Each structure stands twice: as C-alpha cells, then as structure tokens.
C-alpha cells in the first residue's frame, strides 16, 4: 500500500496536464478498491478528478467528474470523518461546479465552498490548503461581488505563511498547493 501510494503521490506532485490527473485518479481508485479501510486513496482520486476539471476547462463534463469526485470524497469522509483535508476537497469540488455557469451557480456553490473552507480551517488552523482555496476563490470573484486581488491578497499571504511551517503527517499525507498559492500571490501584486 505505502509503495503504491508513494509512487502515485510522487507523480501527482509533478502533474499538470488533464490526462495526468485522469490517469492518477484511476490509479488512486484502484488502490482504494484494494485498501477499503484507507481514506487517502479516495481523497486523492477525488482531488485528481477536481484538478482534471480545472485543468481541462471543459464545461460540458464538469458535473460528471465533480459527481465522481464527490462520491469519492464522501467515501473518504465516511472512513475518516471530521478531517480538514477531506472538507477542503469538498470545497474544491463545490468551487469547480461554478465553472459550468458562473452567473447562475456562483452564489450557491461559492457559499458552499466557503462554508467547507471555514469548517476545514476550524478543524485544523495550521492547514494552509483551505485558506489558499478561499483566497483563490476571492481572487477569481469579481470586485462587484466582493472579490478581487485586494481582498484575496491577505488571505493568500496567510496561506503562504502557513505553508512555511506546515508539516505533513507522512510521505503520503496531503501537501499540495504551495506553488499554486505563491503563484496566485504574485498575481495579486
């Protein structure tokens, strides 16, 4: 289990193309099929499907992949309830659903995503990922709806600061997002 997970997580650390995320989602799902009591394979499969949606920018398939991601993250949640990382990915999935039609979905799923990020931060105030995703959401929200670079910058800065001290629980524990957070922070300048 550990060898398979280390290999897949290592590949995930350098993934950027939609095809890589889909391939890794399948890998994590296969591991989850064998290791039914472990939450991380389902977590990573859900994360990979969400990242596939964000990297592919194919609005037609958003709901199909986010439904898959949601089922997997709910499975991870049933194995390890009240986990900051799992709730963070639930927020990422809600954020992804906005892409289908930002004008009609933005409010509903934006509120859900922010509720997820807030809950994740309450469970683990040292976790930089929910803070990063909340800031990223503000970055992409138009100023007239309460977002923009000025609103996002302090939230993203807090996330970047948390990444400096955050220590994953293991080699296979979630540790993604630092490079993305730094990139968004530079765009806030």
C-alpha atoms as a PDB file:
ATOM      1  CA  UNK A   1       0.000   0.000   0.000  1.00  0.00           C
ATOM      2  CA  UNK A   2       2.660   2.501   1.036  1.00  0.00           C
ATOM      3  CA  UNK A   3       4.829   1.851  -2.018  1.00  0.00           C
ATOM      4  CA  UNK A   4       1.880   2.261  -4.393  1.00  0.00           C
ATOM      5  CA  UNK A   5       0.737   5.429  -2.638  1.00  0.00           C
ATOM      6  CA  UNK A   6       4.239   6.954  -2.528  1.00  0.00           C
ATOM      7  CA  UNK A   7       4.638   6.341  -6.251  1.00  0.00           C
ATOM      8  CA  UNK A   8       1.223   7.834  -7.120  1.00  0.00           C
ATOM      9  CA  UNK A   9       1.631  10.845  -4.801  1.00  0.00           C
ATOM     10  CA  UNK A  10       5.082  11.498  -6.278  1.00  0.00           C
ATOM     11  CA  UNK A  11       3.558  11.503  -9.773  1.00  0.00           C
ATOM     12  CA  UNK A  12       0.785  13.793  -8.552  1.00  0.00           C
ATOM     13  CA  UNK A  13       3.363  16.269  -7.232  1.00  0.00           C
ATOM     14  CA  UNK A  14       4.531  16.911 -10.798  1.00  0.00           C
ATOM     15  CA  UNK A  15       1.197  16.516 -12.630  1.00  0.00           C
ATOM     16  CA  UNK A  16      -0.158  19.436 -14.618  1.00  0.00           C
ATOM     17  CA  UNK A  17      -1.872  18.023 -17.714  1.00  0.00           C
ATOM     18  CA  UNK A  18      -5.518  16.913 -17.713  1.00  0.00           C
ATOM     19  CA  UNK A  19      -4.542  13.425 -18.924  1.00  0.00           C
ATOM     20  CA  UNK A  20      -2.136  13.040 -15.985  1.00  0.00           C
ATOM     21  CA  UNK A  21      -4.875  13.880 -13.476  1.00  0.00           C
ATOM     22  CA  UNK A  22      -7.263  11.365 -15.053  1.00  0.00           C
ATOM     23  CA  UNK A  23      -4.613   8.653 -15.096  1.00  0.00           C
ATOM     24  CA  UNK A  24      -3.758   9.312 -11.449  1.00  0.00           C
ATOM     25  CA  UNK A  25      -7.441   9.356 -10.452  1.00  0.00           C
ATOM     26  CA  UNK A  26      -7.715   5.851 -11.916  1.00  0.00           C
ATOM     27  CA  UNK A  27      -4.553   4.756 -10.080  1.00  0.00           C
ATOM     28  CA  UNK A  28      -5.853   6.031  -6.740  1.00  0.00           C
ATOM     29  CA  UNK A  29      -9.255   4.420  -7.364  1.00  0.00           C
ATOM     30  CA  UNK A  30      -7.545   1.059  -7.983  1.00  0.00           C
ATOM     31  CA  UNK A  31      -5.624   1.424  -4.718  1.00  0.00           C
ATOM     32  CA  UNK A  32      -8.861   2.359  -2.924  1.00  0.00           C
ATOM     33  CA  UNK A  33     -10.510  -0.755  -4.338  1.00  0.00           C
ATOM     34  CA  UNK A  34      -7.895  -2.889  -2.587  1.00  0.00           C
ATOM     35  CA  UNK A  35      -7.394  -0.801   0.562  1.00  0.00           C
ATOM     36  CA  UNK A  36     -11.008  -0.259   1.581  1.00  0.00           C
ATOM     37  CA  UNK A  37     -10.204   0.973   5.094  1.00  0.00           C
ATOM     38  CA  UNK A  38      -7.797   3.723   3.947  1.00  0.00           C
ATOM     39  CA  UNK A  39      -9.153   7.233   3.296  1.00  0.00           C
ATOM     40  CA  UNK A  40      -6.224   8.693   1.349  1.00  0.00           C
ATOM     41  CA  UNK A  41      -6.739   6.799  -1.960  1.00  0.00           C
ATOM     42  CA  UNK A  42     -10.348   8.031  -2.229  1.00  0.00           C
ATOM     43  CA  UNK A  43      -9.247  11.514  -1.155  1.00  0.00           C
ATOM     44  CA  UNK A  44      -6.560  11.708  -3.834  1.00  0.00           C
ATOM     45  CA  UNK A  45      -8.820  10.250  -6.528  1.00  0.00           C
ATOM     46  CA  UNK A  46     -11.401  12.946  -5.731  1.00  0.00           C
ATOM     47  CA  UNK A  47      -8.701  15.629  -5.764  1.00  0.00           C
ATOM     48  CA  UNK A  48      -7.418  14.370  -9.146  1.00  0.00           C
ATOM     49  CA  UNK A  49     -10.882  14.498 -10.713  1.00  0.00           C
ATOM     50  CA  UNK A  50     -11.334  18.049  -9.417  1.00  0.00           C
ATOM     51  CA  UNK A  51      -7.935  19.092 -10.755  1.00  0.00           C
ATOM     52  CA  UNK A  52      -8.767  17.449 -14.079  1.00  0.00           C
ATOM     53  CA  UNK A  53     -11.827  19.677 -14.348  1.00  0.00           C
ATOM     54  CA  UNK A  54      -9.836  22.814 -13.525  1.00  0.00           C
ATOM     55  CA  UNK A  55      -7.049  21.935 -15.961  1.00  0.00           C
ATOM     56  CA  UNK A  56      -9.253  20.723 -18.830  1.00  0.00           C
ATOM     57  CA  UNK A  57     -11.657  23.682 -18.850  1.00  0.00           C
ATOM     58  CA  UNK A  58     -14.349  21.506 -20.480  1.00  0.00           C
ATOM     59  CA  UNK A  59     -17.620  22.874 -19.124  1.00  0.00           C
ATOM     60  CA  UNK A  60     -19.660  20.014 -20.584  1.00  0.00           C
ATOM     61  CA  UNK A  61     -18.045  17.370 -18.371  1.00  0.00           C
ATOM     62  CA  UNK A  62     -17.721  19.364 -15.124  1.00  0.00           C
ATOM     63  CA  UNK A  63     -20.731  17.876 -13.364  1.00  0.00           C
ATOM     64  CA  UNK A  64     -19.923  14.312 -14.395  1.00  0.00           C
ATOM     65  CA  UNK A  65     -16.384  14.486 -12.996  1.00  0.00           C
ATOM     66  CA  UNK A  66     -17.382  16.503  -9.948  1.00  0.00           C
ATOM     67  CA  UNK A  67     -20.099  13.921  -9.198  1.00  0.00           C
ATOM     68  CA  UNK A  68     -17.383  11.236  -9.304  1.00  0.00           C
ATOM     69  CA  UNK A  69     -15.149  13.362  -7.100  1.00  0.00           C
ATOM     70  CA  UNK A  70     -17.991  13.995  -4.655  1.00  0.00           C
ATOM     71  CA  UNK A  71     -18.792  10.282  -4.330  1.00  0.00           C
ATOM     72  CA  UNK A  72     -15.124   9.515  -3.646  1.00  0.00           C
ATOM     73  CA  UNK A  73     -14.624  12.311  -1.119  1.00  0.00           C
ATOM     74  CA  UNK A  74     -17.816  11.256   0.675  1.00  0.00           C
ATOM     75  CA  UNK A  75     -16.393   7.735   0.861  1.00  0.00           C
ATOM     76  CA  UNK A  76     -13.152   9.143   2.342  1.00  0.00           C
ATOM     77  CA  UNK A  77     -15.273  11.159   4.787  1.00  0.00           C
ATOM     78  CA  UNK A  78     -17.104   8.012   5.914  1.00  0.00           C
ATOM     79  CA  UNK A  79     -13.746   6.383   6.674  1.00  0.00           C
ATOM     80  CA  UNK A  80     -12.199   9.431   8.389  1.00  0.00           C
ATOM     81  CA  UNK A  81     -14.919  11.911   9.448  1.00  0.00           C
ATOM     82  CA  UNK A  82     -14.224  15.492  10.536  1.00  0.00           C
ATOM     83  CA  UNK A  83     -10.957  15.716   8.617  1.00  0.00           C
ATOM     84  CA  UNK A  84      -9.751  19.138   7.492  1.00  0.00           C
ATOM     85  CA  UNK A  85      -8.188  17.817   4.279  1.00  0.00           C
ATOM     86  CA  UNK A  86     -11.346  15.991   3.209  1.00  0.00           C
ATOM     87  CA  UNK A  87     -13.559  19.003   3.866  1.00  0.00           C
ATOM     88  CA  UNK A  88     -11.101  21.164   1.906  1.00  0.00           C
ATOM     89  CA  UNK A  89     -11.533  18.949  -1.167  1.00  0.00           C
ATOM     90  CA  UNK A  90     -15.321  19.130  -0.717  1.00  0.00           C
ATOM     91  CA  UNK A  91     -14.882  22.901  -1.067  1.00  0.00           C
ATOM     92  CA  UNK A  92     -12.690  22.452  -4.139  1.00  0.00           C
ATOM     93  CA  UNK A  93     -15.431  20.338  -5.724  1.00  0.00           C
ATOM     94  CA  UNK A  94     -18.061  22.992  -4.971  1.00  0.00           C
ATOM     95  CA  UNK A  95     -15.770  25.647  -6.461  1.00  0.00           C
ATOM     96  CA  UNK A  96     -15.381  23.562  -9.608  1.00  0.00           C
ATOM     97  CA  UNK A  97     -19.128  23.326 -10.100  1.00  0.00           C
ATOM     98  CA  UNK A  98     -19.215  27.107 -10.541  1.00  0.00           C
ATOM     99  CA  UNK A  99     -17.346  26.749 -13.860  1.00  0.00           C
ATOM    100  CA  UNK A 100     -20.419  25.398 -15.663  1.00  0.00           C
ATOM    101  CA  UNK A 101     -22.178  28.762 -15.381  1.00  0.00           C
ATOM    102  CA  UNK A 102     -20.614  31.301 -13.018  1.00  0.00           C
ATOM    103  CA  UNK A 103     -23.572  33.703 -13.193  1.00  0.00           C
ATOM    104  CA  UNK A 104     -26.185  31.148 -12.131  1.00  0.00           C
ATOM    105  CA  UNK A 105     -24.005  28.903  -9.954  1.00  0.00           C
ATOM    106  CA  UNK A 106     -21.541  31.335  -8.388  1.00  0.00           C
ATOM    107  CA  UNK A 107     -23.572  32.300  -5.348  1.00  0.00           C
ATOM    108  CA  UNK A 108     -24.860  28.825  -4.435  1.00  0.00           C
ATOM    109  CA  UNK A 109     -21.605  26.916  -4.861  1.00  0.00           C
ATOM    110  CA  UNK A 110     -19.391  29.805  -3.748  1.00  0.00           C
ATOM    111  CA  UNK A 111     -21.219  29.893  -0.413  1.00  0.00           C
ATOM    112  CA  UNK A 112     -20.952  26.097  -0.074  1.00  0.00           C
ATOM    113  CA  UNK A 113     -17.223  26.168  -0.899  1.00  0.00           C
ATOM    114  CA  UNK A 114     -16.538  28.924   1.634  1.00  0.00           C
ATOM    115  CA  UNK A 115     -18.507  27.022   4.286  1.00  0.00           C
ATOM    116  CA  UNK A 116     -16.311  23.985   3.548  1.00  0.00           C
ATOM    117  CA  UNK A 117     -13.103  26.032   3.782  1.00  0.00           C
ATOM    118  CA  UNK A 118     -14.198  27.690   7.028  1.00  0.00           C
ATOM    119  CA  UNK A 119     -15.091  24.304   8.545  1.00  0.00           C
ATOM    120  CA  UNK A 120     -11.749  22.855   7.404  1.00  0.00           C
ATOM    121  CA  UNK A 121      -9.868  25.772   8.988  1.00  0.00           C
ATOM    122  CA  UNK A 122     -11.769  25.284  12.262  1.00  0.00           C
ATOM    123  CA  UNK A 123     -10.761  21.609  12.333  1.00  0.00           C
ATOM    124  CA  UNK A 124      -7.085  22.396  11.641  1.00  0.00           C
ATOM    125  CA  UNK A 125      -5.986  26.018  11.786  1.00  0.00           C
ATOM    126  CA  UNK A 126      -2.483  25.040  10.591  1.00  0.00           C
ATOM    127  CA  UNK A 127      -3.722  23.543   7.297  1.00  0.00           C
ATOM    128  CA  UNK A 128      -2.765  26.010   4.537  1.00  0.00           C
ATOM    129  CA  UNK A 129      -4.949  24.461   1.812  1.00  0.00           C
ATOM    130  CA  UNK A 130      -8.429  25.704   2.822  1.00  0.00           C
ATOM    131  CA  UNK A 131      -7.013  29.193   3.348  1.00  0.00           C
ATOM    132  CA  UNK A 132      -5.346  29.080  -0.077  1.00  0.00           C
ATOM    133  CA  UNK A 133      -8.507  27.912  -1.842  1.00  0.00           C
ATOM    134  CA  UNK A 134     -10.616  30.532  -0.068  1.00  0.00           C
ATOM    135  CA  UNK A 135      -8.162  33.207  -1.196  1.00  0.00           C
ATOM    136  CA  UNK A 136      -8.086  31.832  -4.722  1.00  0.00           C
ATOM    137  CA  UNK A 137     -11.883  31.996  -4.781  1.00  0.00           C
ATOM    138  CA  UNK A 138     -11.720  35.657  -3.775  1.00  0.00           C
ATOM    139  CA  UNK A 139      -9.097  36.280  -6.453  1.00  0.00           C
ATOM    140  CA  UNK A 140     -11.407  34.979  -9.190  1.00  0.00           C
ATOM    141  CA  UNK A 141     -14.563  36.604  -7.777  1.00  0.00           C
ATOM    142  CA  UNK A 142     -15.300  39.945  -9.444  1.00  0.00           C
ATOM    143  CA  UNK A 143     -14.845  43.054  -7.287  1.00  0.00           C
ATOM    144  CA  UNK A 144     -18.534  43.937  -7.597  1.00  0.00           C
ATOM    145  CA  UNK A 145     -19.350  40.619  -5.885  1.00  0.00           C
ATOM    146  CA  UNK A 146     -16.899  41.133  -3.012  1.00  0.00           C
ATOM    147  CA  UNK A 147     -13.765  39.622  -4.507  1.00  0.00           C
ATOM    148  CA  UNK A 148     -10.717  40.799  -6.392  1.00  0.00           C
ATOM    149  CA  UNK A 149      -6.957  40.973  -5.876  1.00  0.00           C
ATOM    150  CA  UNK A 150      -7.109  43.330  -2.899  1.00  0.00           C
ATOM    151  CA  UNK A 151      -9.450  41.026  -0.961  1.00  0.00           C
ATOM    152  CA  UNK A 152      -7.555  37.887  -1.972  1.00  0.00           C
ATOM    153  CA  UNK A 153      -4.021  39.068  -1.186  1.00  0.00           C
ATOM    154  CA  UNK A 154      -4.102  38.938   2.654  1.00  0.00           C
ATOM    155  CA  UNK A 155      -5.849  35.546   2.621  1.00  0.00           C
ATOM    156  CA  UNK A 156      -3.350  34.097   0.142  1.00  0.00           C
ATOM    157  CA  UNK A 157      -0.474  35.627   2.140  1.00  0.00           C
ATOM    158  CA  UNK A 158      -1.755  33.884   5.278  1.00  0.00           C
ATOM    159  CA  UNK A 159      -1.838  30.618   3.352  1.00  0.00           C
ATOM    160  CA  UNK A 160       1.716  31.064   2.052  1.00  0.00           C
ATOM    161  CA  UNK A 161       2.861  31.779   5.620  1.00  0.00           C
ATOM    162  CA  UNK A 162       1.136  28.589   6.835  1.00  0.00           C
ATOM    163  CA  UNK A 163       2.877  26.537   4.135  1.00  0.00           C
ATOM    164  CA  UNK A 164       6.243  27.630   5.607  1.00  0.00           C
ATOM    165  CA  UNK A 165       5.521  25.849   8.901  1.00  0.00           C
ATOM    166  CA  UNK A 166       3.112  23.080   7.819  1.00  0.00           C
ATOM    167  CA  UNK A 167       4.441  19.548   8.244  1.00  0.00           C
ATOM    168  CA  UNK A 168       2.523  16.701   6.547  1.00  0.00           C
ATOM    169  CA  UNK A 169       1.798  13.714   8.807  1.00  0.00           C
ATOM    170  CA  UNK A 170       3.605  11.327   6.443  1.00  0.00           C
ATOM    171  CA  UNK A 171       5.140  10.958   2.979  1.00  0.00           C
ATOM    172  CA  UNK A 172       1.701  10.286   1.541  1.00  0.00           C
ATOM    173  CA  UNK A 173      -0.289  12.864   3.523  1.00  0.00           C
ATOM    174  CA  UNK A 174      -1.720  15.842   1.605  1.00  0.00           C
ATOM    175  CA  UNK A 175       0.868  18.537   0.963  1.00  0.00           C
ATOM    176  CA  UNK A 176      -0.255  20.105  -2.327  1.00  0.00           C
ATOM    177  CA  UNK A 177      -0.884  23.764  -3.098  1.00  0.00           C
ATOM    178  CA  UNK A 178       2.174  25.733  -2.019  1.00  0.00           C
ATOM    179  CA  UNK A 179       3.431  26.528  -5.527  1.00  0.00           C
ATOM    180  CA  UNK A 180      -0.101  27.433  -6.635  1.00  0.00           C
ATOM    181  CA  UNK A 181      -0.583  29.718  -3.623  1.00  0.00           C
ATOM    182  CA  UNK A 182       2.699  31.515  -4.333  1.00  0.00           C
ATOM    183  CA  UNK A 183       1.701  31.939  -7.985  1.00  0.00           C
ATOM    184  CA  UNK A 184      -1.667  33.477  -7.080  1.00  0.00           C
ATOM    185  CA  UNK A 185       0.063  35.744  -4.555  1.00  0.00           C
ATOM    186  CA  UNK A 186       2.378  37.109  -7.243  1.00  0.00           C
ATOM    187  CA  UNK A 187      -0.691  37.787  -9.409  1.00  0.00           C
ATOM    188  CA  UNK A 188      -2.155  39.826  -6.532  1.00  0.00           C
ATOM    189  CA  UNK A 189       0.773  42.292  -6.668  1.00  0.00           C
END
